[in-house]
N, C-alpha and C. Protein backbone atom coordinates (compact mmCIF):
# COMPACT_ATOMS: atom_id res chain seq x y z
N GLN A 1 -44.23 -56.01 37.14
CA GLN A 1 -43.40 -54.54 36.75
C GLN A 1 -43.17 -54.93 35.19
N VAL A 2 -43.69 -53.96 34.22
CA VAL A 2 -43.62 -53.94 33.03
C VAL A 2 -42.66 -53.76 32.22
N GLN A 3 -41.56 -53.79 31.51
CA GLN A 3 -40.50 -53.83 31.02
C GLN A 3 -40.03 -53.95 29.66
N LEU A 4 -39.43 -52.98 28.67
CA LEU A 4 -39.16 -53.10 27.64
C LEU A 4 -36.89 -52.62 27.54
N VAL A 5 -36.95 -53.67 27.18
CA VAL A 5 -35.08 -54.01 27.05
C VAL A 5 -34.27 -54.15 25.51
N GLU A 6 -33.76 -53.13 25.12
CA GLU A 6 -33.63 -52.65 24.00
C GLU A 6 -31.62 -53.21 24.08
N SER A 7 -31.15 -53.67 23.11
CA SER A 7 -29.97 -53.69 23.21
C SER A 7 -29.58 -54.01 21.72
N GLY A 8 -28.23 -54.33 21.15
CA GLY A 8 -27.83 -54.45 19.85
C GLY A 8 -27.03 -53.19 18.85
N GLY A 9 -27.23 -52.03 19.33
CA GLY A 9 -26.88 -50.91 18.87
C GLY A 9 -25.44 -50.52 19.13
N GLY A 10 -24.76 -49.74 18.47
CA GLY A 10 -23.64 -49.23 18.51
C GLY A 10 -23.12 -48.65 17.16
N PRO A 11 -21.66 -48.61 16.89
CA PRO A 11 -21.29 -47.84 15.88
C PRO A 11 -20.84 -48.91 14.50
N VAL A 12 -21.11 -49.05 13.41
CA VAL A 12 -21.22 -49.55 12.08
C VAL A 12 -20.99 -48.40 10.87
N GLN A 13 -20.37 -49.35 9.91
CA GLN A 13 -20.18 -48.24 8.84
C GLN A 13 -20.86 -48.54 7.92
N PRO A 14 -21.10 -47.66 6.85
CA PRO A 14 -22.51 -47.74 5.71
C PRO A 14 -22.07 -48.94 4.92
N GLY A 15 -23.24 -49.57 5.00
CA GLY A 15 -23.54 -50.84 3.98
C GLY A 15 -23.41 -51.66 5.36
N GLY A 16 -23.11 -51.65 6.03
CA GLY A 16 -23.23 -52.69 7.53
C GLY A 16 -24.43 -52.64 7.89
N SER A 17 -24.81 -54.11 8.71
CA SER A 17 -25.86 -54.60 9.62
C SER A 17 -25.75 -54.55 11.01
N LEU A 18 -26.77 -54.33 11.42
CA LEU A 18 -27.35 -55.02 12.92
C LEU A 18 -28.17 -55.93 13.36
N ARG A 19 -28.22 -56.00 14.28
CA ARG A 19 -29.92 -56.88 14.34
C ARG A 19 -29.96 -55.94 16.40
N LEU A 20 -30.98 -55.35 16.06
CA LEU A 20 -31.50 -54.84 17.71
C LEU A 20 -32.26 -56.01 18.29
N SER A 21 -32.51 -56.00 19.45
CA SER A 21 -33.13 -57.21 19.83
C SER A 21 -34.19 -56.12 21.12
N CYS A 22 -35.34 -56.72 21.34
CA CYS A 22 -36.38 -55.80 22.35
C CYS A 22 -36.58 -56.91 23.35
N VAL A 23 -36.96 -56.98 24.49
CA VAL A 23 -36.96 -58.14 25.20
C VAL A 23 -37.91 -57.54 26.17
N ALA A 24 -39.19 -58.20 26.31
CA ALA A 24 -40.20 -57.76 26.89
C ALA A 24 -40.73 -58.96 28.21
N SER A 25 -40.59 -57.88 29.53
CA SER A 25 -40.94 -58.99 30.43
C SER A 25 -42.03 -58.04 31.69
N GLY A 26 -43.20 -59.00 32.22
CA GLY A 26 -43.63 -58.41 33.26
C GLY A 26 -45.36 -57.93 32.95
N PHE A 27 -45.59 -58.59 31.44
CA PHE A 27 -46.77 -58.26 30.78
C PHE A 27 -47.87 -58.51 31.16
N THR A 28 -48.74 -58.50 31.70
CA THR A 28 -49.92 -59.01 31.86
C THR A 28 -50.79 -60.07 31.66
N LEU A 29 -50.91 -59.74 30.01
CA LEU A 29 -51.04 -60.65 28.75
C LEU A 29 -49.96 -61.48 28.24
N ASP A 30 -50.28 -62.77 27.63
CA ASP A 30 -49.24 -63.14 26.46
C ASP A 30 -48.59 -62.08 25.74
N PHE A 31 -47.18 -62.23 25.25
CA PHE A 31 -46.85 -61.55 24.64
C PHE A 31 -47.06 -61.70 23.30
N ASP A 32 -48.03 -62.11 22.43
CA ASP A 32 -48.60 -62.11 21.55
C ASP A 32 -50.10 -61.31 21.37
N TYR A 33 -50.14 -61.34 22.79
CA TYR A 33 -51.40 -59.61 22.33
C TYR A 33 -50.96 -58.40 22.44
N TYR A 34 -49.51 -58.15 22.36
CA TYR A 34 -49.11 -56.89 22.21
C TYR A 34 -48.79 -56.43 20.96
N ALA A 35 -48.99 -55.76 20.20
CA ALA A 35 -48.35 -54.66 19.09
C ALA A 35 -46.77 -54.49 19.79
N ILE A 36 -45.61 -54.73 18.80
CA ILE A 36 -44.65 -54.26 19.01
C ILE A 36 -44.27 -53.40 18.01
N GLY A 37 -43.50 -52.20 18.52
CA GLY A 37 -43.02 -51.00 16.87
C GLY A 37 -41.09 -50.88 17.79
N TRP A 38 -40.92 -50.68 16.72
CA TRP A 38 -39.47 -49.85 16.92
C TRP A 38 -39.76 -48.59 16.29
N PHE A 39 -39.09 -47.71 17.00
CA PHE A 39 -39.35 -46.06 16.50
C PHE A 39 -37.59 -45.23 16.79
N ARG A 40 -37.38 -44.57 15.81
CA ARG A 40 -36.10 -44.17 15.71
C ARG A 40 -36.27 -42.12 16.06
N GLN A 41 -34.85 -42.34 16.72
CA GLN A 41 -35.17 -40.80 16.78
C GLN A 41 -33.81 -40.16 16.87
N ALA A 42 -33.73 -39.25 15.32
CA ALA A 42 -32.50 -38.80 15.09
C ALA A 42 -32.27 -37.84 15.78
N PRO A 43 -30.95 -37.26 15.44
CA PRO A 43 -30.60 -36.18 16.33
C PRO A 43 -31.59 -34.68 16.04
N GLY A 44 -32.10 -34.14 16.56
CA GLY A 44 -33.15 -32.56 16.55
C GLY A 44 -34.37 -33.11 15.75
N THR A 45 -34.61 -34.61 15.78
CA THR A 45 -35.90 -34.68 15.39
C THR A 45 -36.72 -35.24 16.67
N GLU A 46 -38.35 -35.39 15.77
CA GLU A 46 -38.74 -36.15 16.78
C GLU A 46 -38.94 -37.98 16.50
N ARG A 47 -39.53 -38.59 17.85
CA ARG A 47 -39.38 -40.18 17.52
C ARG A 47 -40.73 -40.22 16.54
N GLU A 48 -39.86 -41.53 15.51
CA GLU A 48 -40.47 -41.72 14.64
C GLU A 48 -41.27 -43.35 14.61
N GLY A 49 -42.00 -43.88 14.20
CA GLY A 49 -42.22 -45.01 13.45
C GLY A 49 -41.26 -45.94 12.63
N ILE A 50 -40.62 -46.82 12.55
CA ILE A 50 -39.89 -47.39 11.72
C ILE A 50 -40.64 -48.73 11.16
N SER A 51 -40.58 -49.31 12.45
CA SER A 51 -41.27 -50.61 11.73
C SER A 51 -41.82 -51.37 12.91
N CYS A 52 -42.83 -51.88 12.62
CA CYS A 52 -43.66 -52.28 13.58
C CYS A 52 -44.44 -53.50 13.61
N LEU A 53 -45.07 -54.77 14.43
CA LEU A 53 -45.53 -55.61 14.19
C LEU A 53 -47.23 -56.00 15.18
N SER A 54 -48.18 -56.25 14.34
CA SER A 54 -49.39 -56.35 15.11
C SER A 54 -49.44 -57.16 15.81
N SER A 55 -50.24 -57.05 16.96
CA SER A 55 -50.81 -58.31 17.84
C SER A 55 -51.51 -59.32 17.39
N HIS A 56 -51.61 -60.42 17.50
CA HIS A 56 -51.90 -61.47 17.17
C HIS A 56 -51.25 -62.52 15.84
N TYR A 57 -51.21 -61.43 15.26
CA TYR A 57 -51.07 -61.95 13.09
C TYR A 57 -49.96 -61.44 12.95
N ASP A 58 -48.96 -60.87 13.93
CA ASP A 58 -47.51 -60.39 13.10
C ASP A 58 -47.63 -59.49 11.81
N ASN A 59 -48.60 -58.88 11.76
CA ASN A 59 -48.91 -58.18 10.53
C ASN A 59 -47.56 -57.11 10.69
N THR A 60 -47.16 -56.75 9.59
CA THR A 60 -45.78 -56.06 9.20
C THR A 60 -46.13 -54.57 8.92
N TYR A 61 -45.63 -53.32 9.06
CA TYR A 61 -45.44 -52.09 8.96
C TYR A 61 -43.68 -51.69 8.56
N TYR A 62 -43.34 -51.29 7.53
CA TYR A 62 -42.38 -50.29 7.49
C TYR A 62 -42.39 -49.37 6.94
N THR A 63 -41.24 -48.17 7.46
CA THR A 63 -41.91 -46.82 6.62
C THR A 63 -40.64 -46.85 5.68
N ASP A 64 -41.30 -46.17 4.74
CA ASP A 64 -40.68 -46.25 3.13
C ASP A 64 -39.25 -46.13 2.96
N SER A 65 -38.48 -45.50 4.22
CA SER A 65 -37.06 -45.49 4.43
C SER A 65 -36.33 -46.76 4.32
N VAL A 66 -36.94 -47.83 4.96
CA VAL A 66 -36.46 -48.58 5.75
C VAL A 66 -36.82 -49.94 4.47
N LYS A 67 -37.87 -50.13 3.79
CA LYS A 67 -38.16 -51.24 2.95
C LYS A 67 -37.40 -51.71 2.42
N GLY A 68 -37.25 -53.16 2.58
CA GLY A 68 -36.41 -53.81 1.78
C GLY A 68 -35.31 -53.81 2.29
N ARG A 69 -34.78 -53.28 3.15
CA ARG A 69 -33.63 -52.90 4.47
C ARG A 69 -33.57 -54.03 5.73
N PHE A 70 -34.52 -53.31 6.63
CA PHE A 70 -34.49 -53.79 7.50
C PHE A 70 -35.99 -54.94 7.71
N THR A 71 -36.15 -55.64 8.76
CA THR A 71 -36.92 -56.43 8.87
C THR A 71 -37.07 -57.34 10.26
N ILE A 72 -38.54 -57.02 10.96
CA ILE A 72 -38.89 -57.27 11.88
C ILE A 72 -39.47 -58.44 12.13
N ALA A 73 -39.05 -59.14 13.53
CA ALA A 73 -39.53 -60.32 13.38
C ALA A 73 -40.03 -60.93 15.35
N ARG A 74 -40.68 -61.43 15.32
CA ARG A 74 -41.34 -61.60 16.87
C ARG A 74 -40.55 -63.02 17.20
N ASP A 75 -40.21 -63.66 18.15
CA ASP A 75 -39.60 -64.63 18.83
C ASP A 75 -40.35 -64.98 20.14
N LYS A 76 -41.76 -66.09 20.33
CA LYS A 76 -42.90 -65.42 20.85
C LYS A 76 -41.96 -66.53 22.64
N ALA A 77 -41.38 -67.48 22.10
CA ALA A 77 -40.59 -68.57 23.06
C ALA A 77 -39.84 -67.64 23.93
N LYS A 78 -39.24 -66.39 23.01
CA LYS A 78 -38.09 -65.49 24.05
C LYS A 78 -38.96 -64.37 24.92
N ASN A 79 -39.86 -63.98 24.08
CA ASN A 79 -40.82 -62.78 24.26
C ASN A 79 -39.80 -61.42 24.08
N THR A 80 -39.44 -61.99 22.99
CA THR A 80 -38.59 -61.23 21.56
C THR A 80 -38.89 -60.66 20.88
N VAL A 81 -38.97 -59.27 20.34
CA VAL A 81 -38.66 -58.58 19.29
C VAL A 81 -37.38 -57.94 18.31
N TYR A 82 -37.05 -59.13 17.23
CA TYR A 82 -35.80 -58.41 16.53
C TYR A 82 -36.22 -56.96 15.41
N LEU A 83 -35.10 -56.41 15.47
CA LEU A 83 -35.13 -55.92 14.21
C LEU A 83 -34.02 -55.93 13.65
N GLN A 84 -33.62 -56.80 12.32
CA GLN A 84 -32.64 -56.78 11.45
C GLN A 84 -32.43 -55.80 10.55
N MET A 85 -31.14 -55.30 10.74
CA MET A 85 -31.22 -53.73 9.95
C MET A 85 -29.76 -54.43 8.68
N ASN A 86 -30.18 -54.33 7.90
CA ASN A 86 -28.78 -54.35 6.44
C ASN A 86 -28.56 -53.44 5.98
N ASN A 87 -27.77 -52.96 5.17
CA ASN A 87 -27.23 -52.03 4.37
C ASN A 87 -27.65 -50.48 4.80
N LEU A 88 -26.85 -50.32 6.00
CA LEU A 88 -27.56 -49.23 6.94
C LEU A 88 -26.12 -48.19 6.28
N THR A 89 -27.36 -46.91 6.52
CA THR A 89 -26.80 -45.52 5.73
C THR A 89 -26.67 -44.45 7.14
N PRO A 90 -26.08 -43.51 6.80
CA PRO A 90 -25.77 -42.43 8.11
C PRO A 90 -27.45 -41.74 8.40
N GLY A 91 -28.25 -41.94 7.67
CA GLY A 91 -29.55 -41.74 8.00
C GLY A 91 -30.40 -42.12 8.88
N ASP A 92 -29.72 -43.44 8.85
CA ASP A 92 -29.93 -44.31 10.23
C ASP A 92 -29.88 -44.32 11.42
N THR A 93 -28.91 -43.48 11.68
CA THR A 93 -27.98 -43.22 13.02
C THR A 93 -28.90 -42.05 13.64
N GLY A 94 -29.26 -42.73 14.76
CA GLY A 94 -30.35 -42.38 15.83
C GLY A 94 -30.58 -43.21 16.81
N ILE A 95 -30.64 -43.01 18.22
CA ILE A 95 -31.56 -43.96 19.22
C ILE A 95 -32.77 -44.58 18.57
N TYR A 96 -32.63 -45.74 18.66
CA TYR A 96 -33.94 -46.83 18.56
C TYR A 96 -34.46 -47.39 19.69
N TYR A 97 -35.78 -46.87 19.86
CA TYR A 97 -36.48 -47.67 20.93
C TYR A 97 -37.74 -48.62 20.62
N CYS A 98 -37.95 -49.59 21.45
CA CYS A 98 -39.25 -50.20 21.04
C CYS A 98 -40.54 -49.96 21.99
N ALA A 99 -41.52 -50.42 21.69
CA ALA A 99 -42.97 -49.66 22.07
C ALA A 99 -43.68 -50.49 22.41
N ALA A 100 -44.50 -50.69 23.30
CA ALA A 100 -45.49 -52.10 23.36
C ALA A 100 -47.21 -51.54 23.61
N ALA A 101 -47.94 -51.98 22.50
CA ALA A 101 -49.26 -52.04 23.34
C ALA A 101 -50.40 -52.67 23.08
N PRO A 102 -51.07 -53.04 23.87
CA PRO A 102 -51.85 -54.24 23.70
C PRO A 102 -53.05 -54.16 22.25
N PHE A 103 -53.47 -55.30 21.62
CA PHE A 103 -54.91 -55.02 21.01
C PHE A 103 -54.44 -53.90 20.08
N GLN A 104 -53.22 -53.84 19.18
CA GLN A 104 -52.91 -53.11 17.95
C GLN A 104 -52.60 -53.37 16.67
N GLY A 105 -52.56 -52.73 15.97
CA GLY A 105 -52.30 -53.20 14.36
C GLY A 105 -51.04 -52.75 14.11
N ALA A 106 -50.34 -53.15 12.96
CA ALA A 106 -48.88 -52.72 12.61
C ALA A 106 -48.91 -51.42 12.77
N THR A 107 -50.27 -50.46 12.29
CA THR A 107 -50.32 -49.34 12.15
C THR A 107 -50.08 -48.45 13.48
N LEU A 108 -49.56 -48.78 14.42
CA LEU A 108 -48.68 -48.69 15.59
C LEU A 108 -47.67 -47.36 15.66
N CYS A 109 -46.97 -47.80 14.45
CA CYS A 109 -46.12 -46.64 13.86
C CYS A 109 -46.51 -45.71 13.43
N GLN A 110 -47.95 -45.56 13.24
CA GLN A 110 -48.08 -44.06 12.64
C GLN A 110 -49.01 -43.18 13.90
N ARG A 111 -48.80 -44.00 14.91
CA ARG A 111 -49.29 -42.92 16.02
C ARG A 111 -48.06 -42.20 16.87
N SER A 112 -48.46 -41.26 17.06
CA SER A 112 -47.98 -40.46 17.42
C SER A 112 -47.29 -40.79 18.83
N TYR A 113 -45.62 -40.57 19.22
CA TYR A 113 -44.96 -41.57 20.43
C TYR A 113 -45.54 -40.98 21.37
N THR A 114 -45.96 -39.84 21.45
CA THR A 114 -46.66 -39.50 23.03
C THR A 114 -47.77 -40.08 23.57
N ASP A 115 -48.36 -40.70 21.83
CA ASP A 115 -49.69 -41.95 22.86
C ASP A 115 -49.04 -42.83 23.71
N LEU A 116 -47.91 -43.50 23.43
CA LEU A 116 -47.76 -44.67 23.83
C LEU A 116 -47.18 -45.00 25.33
N GLU A 117 -47.35 -45.69 25.93
CA GLU A 117 -47.25 -46.04 26.97
C GLU A 117 -46.11 -46.53 27.29
N ILE A 118 -45.95 -47.76 26.71
CA ILE A 118 -44.72 -48.77 27.45
C ILE A 118 -43.27 -48.17 26.42
N TRP A 119 -42.24 -48.00 27.12
CA TRP A 119 -40.77 -47.83 26.10
C TRP A 119 -40.21 -48.45 26.96
N GLY A 120 -38.87 -49.03 25.99
CA GLY A 120 -37.64 -49.27 26.74
C GLY A 120 -36.87 -48.01 26.91
N GLN A 121 -35.72 -48.27 27.12
CA GLN A 121 -34.59 -47.41 27.50
C GLN A 121 -33.98 -46.85 26.15
N GLY A 122 -34.22 -47.66 24.97
CA GLY A 122 -33.20 -46.98 23.91
C GLY A 122 -31.82 -47.50 23.85
N THR A 123 -31.55 -47.56 22.76
CA THR A 123 -30.34 -48.52 21.72
C THR A 123 -29.74 -47.50 20.92
N SER A 124 -28.62 -46.86 20.86
CA SER A 124 -28.15 -46.13 19.92
C SER A 124 -27.59 -46.59 18.60
N VAL A 125 -27.64 -45.94 17.91
CA VAL A 125 -26.91 -46.86 16.43
C VAL A 125 -26.23 -45.65 15.80
N THR A 126 -24.94 -45.32 15.45
CA THR A 126 -24.40 -44.73 14.82
C THR A 126 -24.01 -45.67 13.72
N VAL A 127 -24.20 -44.56 12.48
CA VAL A 127 -23.86 -45.14 11.18
C VAL A 127 -22.89 -43.93 10.46
N SER A 128 -21.54 -44.36 10.55
CA SER A 128 -20.56 -43.29 10.27
C SER A 128 -19.46 -44.36 9.52
N SER A 129 -18.37 -43.67 8.23
CA SER A 129 -17.25 -44.20 8.29
C SER A 129 -15.97 -43.92 9.04
């Protein structure tokens, strides 16, 4: 059974940091055959890709609003992708989901979320003073 499980969300003050984790299990291919993306859904908005890793080469993509603040990384031994989030702002508030798709580039982030089939349950991040 293919599964993605996110963790690491919570409340944080502006300027603070969080590290989100996405643990994968049950994949039929090796973990590095999958592109992994972090998508964010803010209240009242559609889910959007904010940071993605390509399959095989771990090329990265960051949406403009998180460049220089967020870092995505894969730990193949742990079947885990992390999203380190620094200097958080209230605009980063939302539900963070990870998604996976085989043999994709980092442009996974620019695909409509309705096109993707493998999702985690999400973890909530609230940035507020």
